[in-house]
Amino acid sequence: MQNERIILGIDPGTQIMGYGLIAVKGNKIELITLGVFKFNSKEEHSLRLKKIFESVLSLIEKYHPDELAIEAPFFGKNVQSMLKLGRAQGVAMAAALYRDIPIFEYSPRKIKQSITGKGSSSKEQVAAMLENLASMPAEKIPLDATDAVAAAMCHYLQNIGTVGEKKFTGWKSYIDQNPKKIVAQHKGRRE
């Protein structure tokens, strides 16, 4: 892994797709941007898939990410919903592949565990942890966007950036091994 890179996180969906980009510089992480794309649910499914492809491609062309971290579809009871979500994920992945960007897929449970230390955490708990630890803005952010940032952060934590650095299983292990760094960063944000 290189010392400086940009990770694009995607929380796929056919009606709302969250995205978040983080810059990794050595052992520092900066939030570049986050948000959601909303797609018209009354529009034909294939047209929404085209818009997902174009939206991800526009993010890639604007921010030039080095890697894509994407949330894997979860297995639900509604097969049709699961198929549509899988298609949305596939189209987002195709946009990254179109630009030769490596793709890393993480289960929702793995992402939550990486951020909060608990795989069964709620979306709100993940958002709160990101707000505290990743210097995300405090204003109301759509949970789909924070889920996308969480996917990018999960990828960072699973593949810590520079040669010789330790890998961390989640925020808890990172904090346990870097207590002075966390306190210094936290104090710096409040000043």
C-alpha atoms as a PDB file:
ATOM      1  CA  MET A   1       0.000   0.000   0.000  1.00  0.00           C
ATOM      2  CA  GLN A   2       1.228   3.475  -0.786  1.00  0.00           C
ATOM      3  CA  ASN A   3       1.786   6.203   1.821  1.00  0.00           C
ATOM      4  CA  GLU A   4      -0.707   8.621   0.283  1.00  0.00           C
ATOM      5  CA  ARG A   5      -3.938   7.464  -1.259  1.00  0.00           C
ATOM      6  CA  ILE A   6      -7.609   8.290  -1.637  1.00  0.00           C
ATOM      7  CA  ILE A   7     -10.240   5.719  -0.754  1.00  0.00           C
ATOM      8  CA  LEU A   8     -13.752   5.965  -2.159  1.00  0.00           C
ATOM      9  CA  GLY A   9     -16.372   4.294   0.003  1.00  0.00           C
ATOM     10  CA  ILE A  10     -19.756   3.332  -1.449  1.00  0.00           C
ATOM     11  CA  ASP A  11     -22.957   2.245   0.268  1.00  0.00           C
ATOM     12  CA  PRO A  12     -24.867   0.934  -2.749  1.00  0.00           C
ATOM     13  CA  GLY A  13     -28.568   1.392  -3.315  1.00  0.00           C
ATOM     14  CA  THR A  14     -30.988   1.826  -6.198  1.00  0.00           C
ATOM     15  CA  GLN A  15     -32.869   4.717  -4.588  1.00  0.00           C
ATOM     16  CA  ILE A  16     -30.164   6.254  -2.393  1.00  0.00           C
ATOM     17  CA  MET A  17     -26.455   5.577  -2.800  1.00  0.00           C
ATOM     18  CA  GLY A  18     -24.062   6.901  -0.189  1.00  0.00           C
ATOM     19  CA  TYR A  19     -20.497   7.903  -0.973  1.00  0.00           C
ATOM     20  CA  GLY A  20     -17.549   9.108   1.056  1.00  0.00           C
ATOM     21  CA  LEU A  21     -13.943   9.846   0.186  1.00  0.00           C
ATOM     22  CA  ILE A  22     -11.055   9.873   2.612  1.00  0.00           C
ATOM     23  CA  ALA A  23      -7.438  10.848   2.029  1.00  0.00           C
ATOM     24  CA  VAL A  24      -4.822   8.761   3.784  1.00  0.00           C
ATOM     25  CA  LYS A  25      -1.490  10.530   4.279  1.00  0.00           C
ATOM     26  CA  GLY A  26       0.879   8.342   6.252  1.00  0.00           C
ATOM     27  CA  ASN A  27      -1.088   7.607   9.394  1.00  0.00           C
ATOM     28  CA  LYS A  28      -3.419  10.609   9.097  1.00  0.00           C
ATOM     29  CA  ILE A  29      -6.899  10.421   7.663  1.00  0.00           C
ATOM     30  CA  GLU A  30      -8.806  13.372   6.245  1.00  0.00           C
ATOM     31  CA  LEU A  31     -12.406  13.385   5.133  1.00  0.00           C
ATOM     32  CA  ILE A  32     -12.541  14.806   1.600  1.00  0.00           C
ATOM     33  CA  THR A  33     -16.282  14.710   1.003  1.00  0.00           C
ATOM     34  CA  LEU A  34     -19.387  12.661   1.571  1.00  0.00           C
ATOM     35  CA  GLY A  35     -22.963  12.674   0.401  1.00  0.00           C
ATOM     36  CA  VAL A  36     -25.722  10.761  -1.306  1.00  0.00           C
ATOM     37  CA  PHE A  37     -27.058  10.376  -4.805  1.00  0.00           C
ATOM     38  CA  LYS A  38     -30.835  10.048  -4.943  1.00  0.00           C
ATOM     39  CA  PHE A  39     -32.478   8.198  -7.790  1.00  0.00           C
ATOM     40  CA  ASN A  40     -36.129   8.386  -8.822  1.00  0.00           C
ATOM     41  CA  SER A  41     -37.845   5.223  -7.579  1.00  0.00           C
ATOM     42  CA  LYS A  42     -40.491   5.607 -10.306  1.00  0.00           C
ATOM     43  CA  GLU A  43     -37.862   5.428 -13.020  1.00  0.00           C
ATOM     44  CA  GLU A  44     -37.171   2.151 -14.787  1.00  0.00           C
ATOM     45  CA  HIS A  45     -34.611   0.051 -12.903  1.00  0.00           C
ATOM     46  CA  SER A  46     -32.187  -0.085 -15.840  1.00  0.00           C
ATOM     47  CA  LEU A  47     -32.129   3.732 -16.073  1.00  0.00           C
ATOM     48  CA  ARG A  48     -31.314   3.971 -12.368  1.00  0.00           C
ATOM     49  CA  LEU A  49     -28.453   1.513 -12.876  1.00  0.00           C
ATOM     50  CA  LYS A  50     -27.116   3.720 -15.674  1.00  0.00           C
ATOM     51  CA  LYS A  51     -27.291   6.746 -13.348  1.00  0.00           C
ATOM     52  CA  ILE A  52     -25.446   4.814 -10.617  1.00  0.00           C
ATOM     53  CA  PHE A  53     -22.665   4.015 -13.093  1.00  0.00           C
ATOM     54  CA  GLU A  54     -22.469   7.649 -14.213  1.00  0.00           C
ATOM     55  CA  SER A  55     -22.529   8.949 -10.619  1.00  0.00           C
ATOM     56  CA  VAL A  56     -19.674   6.700  -9.481  1.00  0.00           C
ATOM     57  CA  LEU A  57     -17.723   7.521 -12.620  1.00  0.00           C
ATOM     58  CA  SER A  58     -18.171  11.259 -11.956  1.00  0.00           C
ATOM     59  CA  LEU A  59     -16.759  10.809  -8.429  1.00  0.00           C
ATOM     60  CA  ILE A  60     -13.814   8.882  -9.846  1.00  0.00           C
ATOM     61  CA  GLU A  61     -13.108  11.535 -12.474  1.00  0.00           C
ATOM     62  CA  LYS A  62     -13.355  14.368  -9.945  1.00  0.00           C
ATOM     63  CA  TYR A  63     -11.392  12.889  -7.000  1.00  0.00           C
ATOM     64  CA  HIS A  64      -9.153  10.226  -8.629  1.00  0.00           C
ATOM     65  CA  PRO A  65      -9.443   7.608  -5.878  1.00  0.00           C
ATOM     66  CA  ASP A  66      -6.821   4.878  -5.666  1.00  0.00           C
ATOM     67  CA  GLU A  67      -9.179   2.254  -4.217  1.00  0.00           C
ATOM     68  CA  LEU A  68     -12.877   1.525  -3.856  1.00  0.00           C
ATOM     69  CA  ALA A  69     -14.292   0.059  -0.647  1.00  0.00           C
ATOM     70  CA  ILE A  70     -17.883  -1.065  -1.055  1.00  0.00           C
ATOM     71  CA  GLU A  71     -20.437  -2.544   1.277  1.00  0.00           C
ATOM     72  CA  ALA A  72     -21.538  -6.025   0.252  1.00  0.00           C
ATOM     73  CA  PRO A  73     -25.265  -6.653  -0.067  1.00  0.00           C
ATOM     74  CA  PHE A  74     -26.760  -8.249   3.019  1.00  0.00           C
ATOM     75  CA  PHE A  75     -28.966 -11.292   2.791  1.00  0.00           C
ATOM     76  CA  GLY A  76     -32.554 -10.331   3.468  1.00  0.00           C
ATOM     77  CA  LYS A  77     -35.883 -12.039   3.133  1.00  0.00           C
ATOM     78  CA  ASN A  78     -36.983 -10.065   0.066  1.00  0.00           C
ATOM     79  CA  VAL A  79     -35.200 -11.690  -2.881  1.00  0.00           C
ATOM     80  CA  GLN A  80     -36.203  -8.940  -5.354  1.00  0.00           C
ATOM     81  CA  SER A  81     -34.738  -6.223  -3.129  1.00  0.00           C
ATOM     82  CA  MET A  82     -31.558  -8.231  -2.704  1.00  0.00           C
ATOM     83  CA  LEU A  83     -31.218  -8.680  -6.474  1.00  0.00           C
ATOM     84  CA  LYS A  84     -31.691  -4.955  -7.103  1.00  0.00           C
ATOM     85  CA  LEU A  85     -29.133  -4.087  -4.432  1.00  0.00           C
ATOM     86  CA  GLY A  86     -26.681  -6.577  -5.936  1.00  0.00           C
ATOM     87  CA  ARG A  87     -27.129  -4.987  -9.347  1.00  0.00           C
ATOM     88  CA  ALA A  88     -26.492  -1.527  -7.874  1.00  0.00           C
ATOM     89  CA  GLN A  89     -23.325  -2.799  -6.243  1.00  0.00           C
ATOM     90  CA  GLY A  90     -22.214  -4.461  -9.475  1.00  0.00           C
ATOM     91  CA  VAL A  91     -22.730  -1.295 -11.506  1.00  0.00           C
ATOM     92  CA  ALA A  92     -20.752   0.770  -8.973  1.00  0.00           C
ATOM     93  CA  MET A  93     -17.981  -1.828  -9.124  1.00  0.00           C
ATOM     94  CA  ALA A  94     -18.067  -1.755 -12.936  1.00  0.00           C
ATOM     95  CA  ALA A  95     -17.463   2.006 -12.901  1.00  0.00           C
ATOM     96  CA  ALA A  96     -14.361   1.468 -10.754  1.00  0.00           C
ATOM     97  CA  LEU A  97     -13.178  -1.389 -12.959  1.00  0.00           C
ATOM     98  CA  TYR A  98     -13.693   0.837 -15.999  1.00  0.00           C
ATOM     99  CA  ARG A  99     -11.044   3.158 -14.529  1.00  0.00           C
ATOM    100  CA  ASP A 100      -8.789   0.306 -13.280  1.00  0.00           C
ATOM    101  CA  ILE A 101      -9.446   1.020  -9.604  1.00  0.00           C
ATOM    102  CA  PRO A 102      -8.984  -1.946  -7.240  1.00  0.00           C
ATOM    103  CA  ILE A 103     -12.174  -2.971  -5.429  1.00  0.00           C
ATOM    104  CA  PHE A 104     -12.462  -4.194  -1.838  1.00  0.00           C
ATOM    105  CA  GLU A 105     -15.767  -5.549  -0.552  1.00  0.00           C
ATOM    106  CA  TYR A 106     -16.743  -5.679   3.123  1.00  0.00           C
ATOM    107  CA  SER A 107     -19.828  -7.095   4.797  1.00  0.00           C
ATOM    108  CA  PRO A 108     -22.000  -4.672   6.776  1.00  0.00           C
ATOM    109  CA  ARG A 109     -21.051  -6.573   9.943  1.00  0.00           C
ATOM    110  CA  LYS A 110     -17.304  -6.239   9.223  1.00  0.00           C
ATOM    111  CA  ILE A 111     -17.651  -2.511   8.587  1.00  0.00           C
ATOM    112  CA  LYS A 112     -19.572  -1.948  11.829  1.00  0.00           C
ATOM    113  CA  GLN A 113     -17.096  -4.048  13.790  1.00  0.00           C
ATOM    114  CA  SER A 114     -14.150  -2.108  12.347  1.00  0.00           C
ATOM    115  CA  ILE A 115     -15.650   1.250  13.297  1.00  0.00           C
ATOM    116  CA  THR A 116     -17.379   0.562  16.615  1.00  0.00           C
ATOM    117  CA  GLY A 117     -15.838  -2.721  17.743  1.00  0.00           C
ATOM    118  CA  LYS A 118     -19.244  -4.399  17.557  1.00  0.00           C
ATOM    119  CA  GLY A 119     -20.695  -5.990  14.412  1.00  0.00           C
ATOM    120  CA  SER A 120     -24.280  -5.497  15.538  1.00  0.00           C
ATOM    121  CA  SER A 121     -23.995  -1.713  16.031  1.00  0.00           C
ATOM    122  CA  SER A 122     -26.730   0.511  14.658  1.00  0.00           C
ATOM    123  CA  LYS A 123     -26.171   2.927  11.778  1.00  0.00           C
ATOM    124  CA  GLU A 124     -26.506   5.759  14.297  1.00  0.00           C
ATOM    125  CA  GLN A 125     -23.736   4.306  16.483  1.00  0.00           C
ATOM    126  CA  VAL A 126     -21.451   4.025  13.447  1.00  0.00           C
ATOM    127  CA  ALA A 127     -22.199   7.652  12.512  1.00  0.00           C
ATOM    128  CA  ALA A 128     -21.511   8.851  16.059  1.00  0.00           C
ATOM    129  CA  MET A 129     -18.195   7.012  16.190  1.00  0.00           C
ATOM    130  CA  LEU A 130     -17.134   8.467  12.842  1.00  0.00           C
ATOM    131  CA  GLU A 131     -18.094  11.954  14.007  1.00  0.00           C
ATOM    132  CA  ASN A 132     -15.859  11.573  17.042  1.00  0.00           C
ATOM    133  CA  LEU A 133     -12.928   9.760  15.474  1.00  0.00           C
ATOM    134  CA  ALA A 134     -12.811  10.802  11.836  1.00  0.00           C
ATOM    135  CA  SER A 135     -13.462  14.528  12.287  1.00  0.00           C
ATOM    136  CA  MET A 136     -16.744  14.337  10.425  1.00  0.00           C
ATOM    137  CA  PRO A 137     -18.904  17.436  10.631  1.00  0.00           C
ATOM    138  CA  ALA A 138     -21.425  17.478  13.439  1.00  0.00           C
ATOM    139  CA  GLU A 139     -24.426  18.538  11.336  1.00  0.00           C
ATOM    140  CA  LYS A 140     -27.025  16.006  10.258  1.00  0.00           C
ATOM    141  CA  ILE A 141     -25.551  13.733   7.609  1.00  0.00           C
ATOM    142  CA  PRO A 142     -27.565  11.045   5.814  1.00  0.00           C
ATOM    143  CA  LEU A 143     -26.783   7.610   7.255  1.00  0.00           C
ATOM    144  CA  ASP A 144     -26.123   6.276   3.758  1.00  0.00           C
ATOM    145  CA  ALA A 145     -23.240   8.762   3.493  1.00  0.00           C
ATOM    146  CA  THR A 146     -21.797   7.820   6.888  1.00  0.00           C
ATOM    147  CA  ASP A 147     -22.091   4.138   5.918  1.00  0.00           C
ATOM    148  CA  ALA A 148     -20.009   4.892   2.824  1.00  0.00           C
ATOM    149  CA  VAL A 149     -17.342   6.682   4.891  1.00  0.00           C
ATOM    150  CA  ALA A 150     -17.418   3.711   7.270  1.00  0.00           C
ATOM    151  CA  ALA A 151     -16.664   1.367   4.337  1.00  0.00           C
ATOM    152  CA  ALA A 152     -13.654   3.511   3.384  1.00  0.00           C
ATOM    153  CA  MET A 153     -12.472   3.674   7.008  1.00  0.00           C
ATOM    154  CA  CYS A 154     -12.927  -0.087   7.371  1.00  0.00           C
ATOM    155  CA  HIS A 155     -10.711  -0.597   4.335  1.00  0.00           C
ATOM    156  CA  TYR A 156      -8.095   1.726   5.819  1.00  0.00           C
ATOM    157  CA  LEU A 157      -8.153  -0.125   9.140  1.00  0.00           C
ATOM    158  CA  GLN A 158      -7.877  -3.506   7.429  1.00  0.00           C
ATOM    159  CA  ASN A 159      -4.986  -2.371   5.248  1.00  0.00           C
ATOM    160  CA  ILE A 160      -3.077   0.219   7.228  1.00  0.00           C
ATOM    161  CA  GLY A 161      -1.198   2.405   4.826  1.00  0.00           C
ATOM    162  CA  THR A 162       2.563   2.218   5.104  1.00  0.00           C
ATOM    163  CA  VAL A 163       5.050  -0.605   5.167  1.00  0.00           C
ATOM    164  CA  GLY A 164       5.874  -1.709   8.696  1.00  0.00           C
ATOM    165  CA  GLU A 165       2.768  -0.207  10.276  1.00  0.00           C
ATOM    166  CA  LYS A 166       0.521  -2.376  12.391  1.00  0.00           C
ATOM    167  CA  LYS A 167      -2.871  -3.579  11.261  1.00  0.00           C
ATOM    168  CA  PHE A 168      -5.778  -2.841  13.552  1.00  0.00           C
ATOM    169  CA  THR A 169      -8.942  -4.869  13.973  1.00  0.00           C
ATOM    170  CA  GLY A 170     -11.020  -1.773  14.680  1.00  0.00           C
ATOM    171  CA  TRP A 171     -11.084   1.593  16.400  1.00  0.00           C
ATOM    172  CA  LYS A 172     -10.714   0.041  19.840  1.00  0.00           C
ATOM    173  CA  SER A 173      -7.394  -1.619  18.983  1.00  0.00           C
ATOM    174  CA  TYR A 174      -6.221   1.569  17.196  1.00  0.00           C
ATOM    175  CA  ILE A 175      -7.047   3.699  20.248  1.00  0.00           C
ATOM    176  CA  ASP A 176      -5.505   1.164  22.633  1.00  0.00           C
ATOM    177  CA  GLN A 177      -2.231   1.256  20.669  1.00  0.00           C
ATOM    178  CA  ASN A 178      -2.236   5.036  20.048  1.00  0.00           C
ATOM    179  CA  PRO A 179      -3.702   6.728  23.159  1.00  0.00           C
ATOM    180  CA  LYS A 180      -1.474   9.824  22.983  1.00  0.00           C
ATOM    181  CA  LYS A 181      -2.185  10.367  19.283  1.00  0.00           C
ATOM    182  CA  ILE A 182      -5.957  10.178  19.827  1.00  0.00           C
ATOM    183  CA  VAL A 183      -5.862  12.633  22.747  1.00  0.00           C
ATOM    184  CA  ALA A 184      -3.707  15.062  20.727  1.00  0.00           C
ATOM    185  CA  GLN A 185      -6.009  14.876  17.704  1.00  0.00           C
ATOM    186  CA  HIS A 186      -9.102  15.278  19.867  1.00  0.00           C
ATOM    187  CA  LYS A 187      -7.666  18.309  21.679  1.00  0.00           C
ATOM    188  CA  GLY A 188      -6.606  19.858  18.376  1.00  0.00           C
ATOM    189  CA  ARG A 189     -10.163  19.694  17.018  1.00  0.00           C
ATOM    190  CA  ARG A 190     -11.631  21.561  19.986  1.00  0.00           C
ATOM    191  CA  GLU A 191      -9.147  24.425  19.957  1.00  0.00           C
END
